[in-house]
């Protein structure tokens, strides 16, 4: 099990492979529904690793479940992938693994370039710090130097449209303001991949249109996206391909046209067959 991040593609033999910026292979992640058991299992796993004996990752212990189960797909440069599924289907877990926030139990993720995750409102922000302080902290975490942040600070501020509140603590921001600031930070980190988890559902229509225009500009420059939604229609107009997850399993992976044609009538049948 591994999550590998590389600043640039290396040792990739063919031009077709050079286009692949994200590769997810056999990815699985389990969680425990019981807090006490979860803490016990964590201590047990740490102890096993210390003595050189790893737990069998394929075995579920009492109260554990697969949040992701053998998920595989690839993302190419400039491609937009729609990730669709109900609550609890594994979408957010998948994004957190790709962004390096959590480790998988099985499988491998290879990322060739910089990932900018926008996976929750205010994610990466300290609520007691000001917007200005959070811009520097958040963009530093995403890999930029202070000099680079200085160079794009005014652009971030202008895009987020929070000039009057930049020196107020983020905890005083509305959800829309936090989303605007998070999006502005992410797109100005010169990302190779953007992970967007429904934050574009927050805010007014004018700002959302502004975000989608900027996404189109980034795609023209080769930036890839993973856009997440509960509803297929809300994001698939922006994507070429789509993945449908249910209870951690990949139920469908296809181009958007076929996805929309077959989604409503075939997904239930596929779920019943696979799950």
Protein backbone atom coordinates (compact mmCIF):
# COMPACT_ATOMS: atom_id res chain seq x y z
CA UNK A 1 0.00 0.00 0.00
CA UNK A 2 1.43 3.37 -1.00
CA UNK A 3 0.66 6.95 -1.88
CA UNK A 4 3.43 8.33 -4.08
CA UNK A 5 3.71 12.02 -4.96
CA UNK A 6 6.25 13.17 -7.55
CA UNK A 7 6.88 16.78 -8.55
CA UNK A 8 7.15 15.72 -12.17
CA UNK A 9 6.65 12.49 -14.12
CA UNK A 10 9.84 10.44 -14.13
CA UNK A 11 10.84 7.09 -15.59
CA UNK A 12 7.63 6.84 -17.63
CA UNK A 13 8.41 5.07 -20.87
CA UNK A 14 5.62 5.91 -23.30
CA UNK A 15 3.88 9.11 -24.38
CA UNK A 16 0.53 7.61 -23.41
CA UNK A 17 1.78 7.00 -19.90
CA UNK A 18 3.20 10.52 -19.74
CA UNK A 19 -0.35 11.84 -20.06
CA UNK A 20 -1.40 9.97 -16.90
CA UNK A 21 -1.08 12.32 -13.95
CA UNK A 22 -2.97 10.21 -11.39
CA UNK A 23 -3.10 6.43 -11.16
CA UNK A 24 -5.27 4.66 -8.57
CA UNK A 25 -4.74 0.89 -8.43
CA UNK A 26 -6.69 -1.54 -6.23
CA UNK A 27 -7.30 1.07 -3.55
CA UNK A 28 -8.97 -0.13 -0.34
CA UNK A 29 -9.51 1.56 3.02
CA UNK A 30 -11.29 0.25 6.09
CA UNK A 31 -12.66 2.07 9.13
CA UNK A 32 -14.21 1.00 12.40
CA UNK A 33 -17.72 2.07 13.44
CA UNK A 34 -16.86 1.88 17.15
CA UNK A 35 -14.56 4.56 18.62
CA UNK A 36 -13.14 2.42 21.44
CA UNK A 37 -12.44 -0.49 19.11
CA UNK A 38 -10.91 1.91 16.59
CA UNK A 39 -8.46 3.24 19.19
CA UNK A 40 -7.64 -0.31 20.30
CA UNK A 41 -7.03 -1.43 16.70
CA UNK A 42 -4.78 1.61 16.10
CA UNK A 43 -2.63 0.74 19.13
CA UNK A 44 -2.61 -2.90 18.05
CA UNK A 45 -1.47 -1.99 14.52
CA UNK A 46 1.28 0.32 15.80
CA UNK A 47 2.52 -2.40 18.15
CA UNK A 48 2.54 -4.96 15.35
CA UNK A 49 4.59 -2.66 13.09
CA UNK A 50 7.09 -1.97 15.87
CA UNK A 51 7.81 -5.68 16.26
CA UNK A 52 7.87 -6.20 12.49
CA UNK A 53 4.60 -8.11 12.23
CA UNK A 54 1.95 -6.43 10.10
CA UNK A 55 -1.76 -7.10 10.49
CA UNK A 56 -3.50 -8.73 7.53
CA UNK A 57 -4.98 -5.73 5.74
CA UNK A 58 -7.50 -7.87 3.85
CA UNK A 59 -9.24 -9.09 7.01
CA UNK A 60 -12.04 -7.10 8.63
CA UNK A 61 -12.08 -7.13 12.42
CA UNK A 62 -15.31 -6.75 14.43
CA UNK A 63 -17.16 -3.49 13.60
CA UNK A 64 -14.85 -2.67 10.69
CA UNK A 65 -16.11 -1.98 7.16
CA UNK A 66 -14.63 -1.14 3.78
CA UNK A 67 -14.97 2.59 3.05
CA UNK A 68 -13.20 1.84 -0.26
CA UNK A 69 -12.87 -1.61 -1.78
CA UNK A 70 -10.55 -2.29 -4.75
CA UNK A 71 -11.02 1.01 -6.62
CA UNK A 72 -8.93 1.60 -9.75
CA UNK A 73 -8.87 4.37 -12.37
CA UNK A 74 -6.53 6.82 -14.11
CA UNK A 75 -6.66 10.56 -14.70
CA UNK A 76 -4.87 12.28 -17.58
CA UNK A 77 -3.55 15.81 -17.88
CA UNK A 78 -6.30 18.32 -18.64
CA UNK A 79 -9.03 15.76 -17.92
CA UNK A 80 -12.00 16.40 -15.64
CA UNK A 81 -13.35 13.34 -13.83
CA UNK A 82 -16.75 13.42 -12.14
CA UNK A 83 -16.97 11.39 -8.92
CA UNK A 84 -20.59 10.59 -8.14
CA UNK A 85 -22.20 8.69 -5.28
CA UNK A 86 -24.50 8.95 -2.29
CA UNK A 87 -23.39 9.89 1.21
CA UNK A 88 -21.14 7.16 2.59
CA UNK A 89 -20.14 5.86 -0.84
CA UNK A 90 -16.43 6.58 -0.29
CA UNK A 91 -15.97 9.77 -2.32
CA UNK A 92 -14.41 11.90 0.44
CA UNK A 93 -12.25 8.99 1.64
CA UNK A 94 -10.89 8.60 -1.89
CA UNK A 95 -10.01 12.29 -2.13
CA UNK A 96 -8.33 12.26 1.27
CA UNK A 97 -6.13 9.34 0.23
CA UNK A 98 -5.19 10.99 -3.07
CA UNK A 99 -4.29 14.21 -1.24
CA UNK A 100 -2.14 12.26 1.24
CA UNK A 101 -4.23 13.00 4.34
CA UNK A 102 -4.79 9.32 5.13
CA UNK A 103 -3.13 6.08 4.04
CA UNK A 104 -4.83 3.20 2.25
CA UNK A 105 -4.90 -0.32 3.68
CA UNK A 106 -4.36 -1.86 0.25
CA UNK A 107 -3.51 -0.61 -3.20
CA UNK A 108 -1.46 2.22 -4.58
CA UNK A 109 -1.85 5.84 -5.63
CA UNK A 110 0.70 7.49 -7.92
CA UNK A 111 0.49 11.27 -8.33
CA UNK A 112 2.74 13.03 -10.83
CA UNK A 113 2.64 16.68 -9.81
CA UNK A 114 1.15 18.99 -7.19
CA UNK A 115 -2.27 18.23 -5.74
CA UNK A 116 -4.45 21.05 -4.45
CA UNK A 117 -7.27 19.55 -2.36
CA UNK A 118 -10.46 21.55 -1.85
CA UNK A 119 -12.31 18.82 0.00
CA UNK A 120 -14.21 20.63 2.77
CA UNK A 121 -15.30 24.13 3.65
CA UNK A 122 -12.45 25.85 5.43
CA UNK A 123 -10.23 22.77 5.24
CA UNK A 124 -6.67 23.75 6.12
CA UNK A 125 -7.79 26.99 7.75
CA UNK A 126 -7.21 27.87 11.39
CA UNK A 127 -10.43 29.59 12.56
CA UNK A 128 -8.68 31.89 15.02
CA UNK A 129 -6.22 33.21 12.42
CA UNK A 130 -7.12 36.01 10.04
CA UNK A 131 -7.80 35.46 6.37
CA UNK A 132 -4.42 36.97 5.56
CA UNK A 133 -2.61 34.62 7.97
CA UNK A 134 -4.54 31.64 6.66
CA UNK A 135 -3.59 32.41 3.06
CA UNK A 136 0.08 32.16 3.97
CA UNK A 137 -0.40 29.08 6.16
CA UNK A 138 -2.63 27.22 3.70
CA UNK A 139 -0.58 27.93 0.60
CA UNK A 140 2.64 27.04 2.45
CA UNK A 141 1.14 23.63 3.25
CA UNK A 142 0.35 23.24 -0.46
CA UNK A 143 4.03 23.76 -1.30
CA UNK A 144 4.53 27.46 -2.04
CA UNK A 145 7.32 29.59 -0.59
CA UNK A 146 6.66 32.92 1.12
CA UNK A 147 8.07 34.71 -1.89
CA UNK A 148 5.68 32.86 -4.20
CA UNK A 149 2.73 33.64 -1.93
CA UNK A 150 3.73 37.31 -1.80
CA UNK A 151 3.69 37.32 -5.59
CA UNK A 152 0.14 35.98 -5.92
CA UNK A 153 -1.42 37.37 -2.71
CA UNK A 154 -3.28 40.23 -4.40
CA UNK A 155 -4.65 37.84 -7.04
CA UNK A 156 -5.93 35.47 -4.34
CA UNK A 157 -7.57 38.36 -2.52
CA UNK A 158 -9.19 39.75 -5.67
CA UNK A 159 -10.54 36.36 -6.70
CA UNK A 160 -11.94 35.56 -3.24
CA UNK A 161 -13.63 38.98 -3.03
CA UNK A 162 -13.08 39.31 0.73
CA UNK A 163 -10.94 42.46 0.78
CA UNK A 164 -12.88 44.06 3.62
CA UNK A 165 -12.58 40.95 5.82
CA UNK A 166 -9.03 39.85 5.08
CA UNK A 167 -7.78 40.84 8.54
CA UNK A 168 -10.76 39.36 10.41
CA UNK A 169 -10.54 35.83 11.92
CA UNK A 170 -11.80 33.12 9.59
CA UNK A 171 -14.24 31.93 12.28
CA UNK A 172 -16.20 35.13 11.57
CA UNK A 173 -16.55 34.23 7.86
CA UNK A 174 -19.71 32.84 6.34
CA UNK A 175 -19.53 29.44 4.66
CA UNK A 176 -19.53 31.17 1.29
CA UNK A 177 -16.60 33.41 2.23
CA UNK A 178 -14.59 30.44 3.51
CA UNK A 179 -15.32 28.53 0.30
CA UNK A 180 -14.25 31.48 -1.85
CA UNK A 181 -11.00 31.87 0.08
CA UNK A 182 -10.25 28.14 -0.08
CA UNK A 183 -10.92 27.99 -3.81
CA UNK A 184 -8.82 31.09 -4.47
CA UNK A 185 -5.88 29.64 -2.53
CA UNK A 186 -6.10 26.29 -4.32
CA UNK A 187 -6.17 27.63 -7.87
CA UNK A 188 -3.22 29.96 -7.27
CA UNK A 189 -0.85 27.20 -6.09
CA UNK A 190 -0.08 26.24 -9.70
CA UNK A 191 -1.64 22.79 -9.19
CA UNK A 192 -1.42 19.85 -11.55
CA UNK A 193 -4.52 18.25 -10.01
CA UNK A 194 -7.45 19.94 -8.27
CA UNK A 195 -9.66 17.86 -5.95
CA UNK A 196 -13.00 19.60 -5.46
CA UNK A 197 -15.54 18.12 -3.04
CA UNK A 198 -18.83 19.99 -3.54
CA UNK A 199 -17.49 23.32 -2.29
CA UNK A 200 -18.73 24.88 -5.53
CA UNK A 201 -22.27 24.23 -4.29
CA UNK A 202 -21.72 27.05 -1.78
CA UNK A 203 -21.97 30.70 -2.74
CA UNK A 204 -23.95 32.74 -5.24
CA UNK A 205 -24.44 31.83 -8.88
CA UNK A 206 -22.22 34.66 -10.09
CA UNK A 207 -19.22 33.44 -8.08
CA UNK A 208 -19.79 29.82 -9.11
CA UNK A 209 -19.81 30.89 -12.75
CA UNK A 210 -16.55 32.73 -12.08
CA UNK A 211 -15.06 29.54 -10.58
CA UNK A 212 -16.08 27.42 -13.56
CA UNK A 213 -14.57 29.95 -15.96
CA UNK A 214 -11.28 29.76 -14.06
CA UNK A 215 -11.44 25.95 -14.08
CA UNK A 216 -11.83 26.05 -17.86
CA UNK A 217 -8.73 28.26 -18.10
CA UNK A 218 -6.76 25.86 -15.91
CA UNK A 219 -7.84 22.87 -17.99
CA UNK A 220 -6.59 24.62 -21.11
CA UNK A 221 -3.20 24.75 -19.35
CA UNK A 222 -3.28 21.00 -18.65
CA UNK A 223 -4.58 20.98 -15.07
CA UNK A 224 -6.67 17.90 -14.23
CA UNK A 225 -9.71 17.85 -11.93
CA UNK A 226 -11.69 15.46 -9.81
CA UNK A 227 -15.11 17.01 -9.16
CA UNK A 228 -17.34 15.40 -6.53
CA UNK A 229 -21.10 15.54 -6.20
CA UNK A 230 -24.09 13.61 -4.87
CA UNK A 231 -25.92 14.50 -8.08
CA UNK A 232 -24.62 13.50 -11.48
CA UNK A 233 -26.28 16.34 -13.39
CA UNK A 234 -24.69 19.10 -11.30
CA UNK A 235 -21.09 18.39 -12.36
CA UNK A 236 -21.00 16.02 -15.29
CA UNK A 237 -21.52 18.85 -17.78
CA UNK A 238 -17.99 19.92 -16.78
CA UNK A 239 -16.42 16.44 -17.12
CA UNK A 240 -15.40 13.98 -19.85
CA UNK A 241 -15.50 10.85 -17.69
CA UNK A 242 -17.34 9.80 -14.57
CA UNK A 243 -16.99 7.32 -11.72
CA UNK A 244 -19.94 6.06 -9.69
CA UNK A 245 -19.17 4.75 -6.19
CA UNK A 246 -21.51 2.85 -3.90
CA UNK A 247 -20.56 1.47 -0.47
CA UNK A 248 -16.89 1.82 -1.34
CA UNK A 249 -17.06 -0.08 -4.63
CA UNK A 250 -16.57 1.29 -8.13
CA UNK A 251 -19.88 0.53 -9.82
CA UNK A 252 -19.40 2.38 -13.09
CA UNK A 253 -16.55 4.10 -14.96
CA UNK A 254 -17.25 5.54 -18.40
CA UNK A 255 -17.35 8.65 -20.52
CA UNK A 256 -20.03 11.13 -19.47
CA UNK A 257 -22.31 10.54 -22.44
CA UNK A 258 -22.61 6.81 -21.77
CA UNK A 259 -22.72 7.45 -18.03
CA UNK A 260 -25.76 9.71 -18.36
CA UNK A 261 -27.47 7.33 -20.78
CA UNK A 262 -27.03 4.26 -18.60
CA UNK A 263 -26.82 5.74 -15.10
CA UNK A 264 -30.48 5.80 -14.04
CA UNK A 265 -31.49 2.47 -15.54
CA UNK A 266 -28.34 0.40 -15.00
CA UNK A 267 -26.72 1.60 -11.77
CA UNK A 268 -29.23 -0.14 -9.51
CA UNK A 269 -28.78 -3.38 -11.47
CA UNK A 270 -25.00 -3.06 -11.30
CA UNK A 271 -25.09 -2.32 -7.57
CA UNK A 272 -27.19 -5.41 -6.93
CA UNK A 273 -24.81 -7.51 -9.00
CA UNK A 274 -21.56 -6.21 -7.48
CA UNK A 275 -22.42 -5.48 -3.84
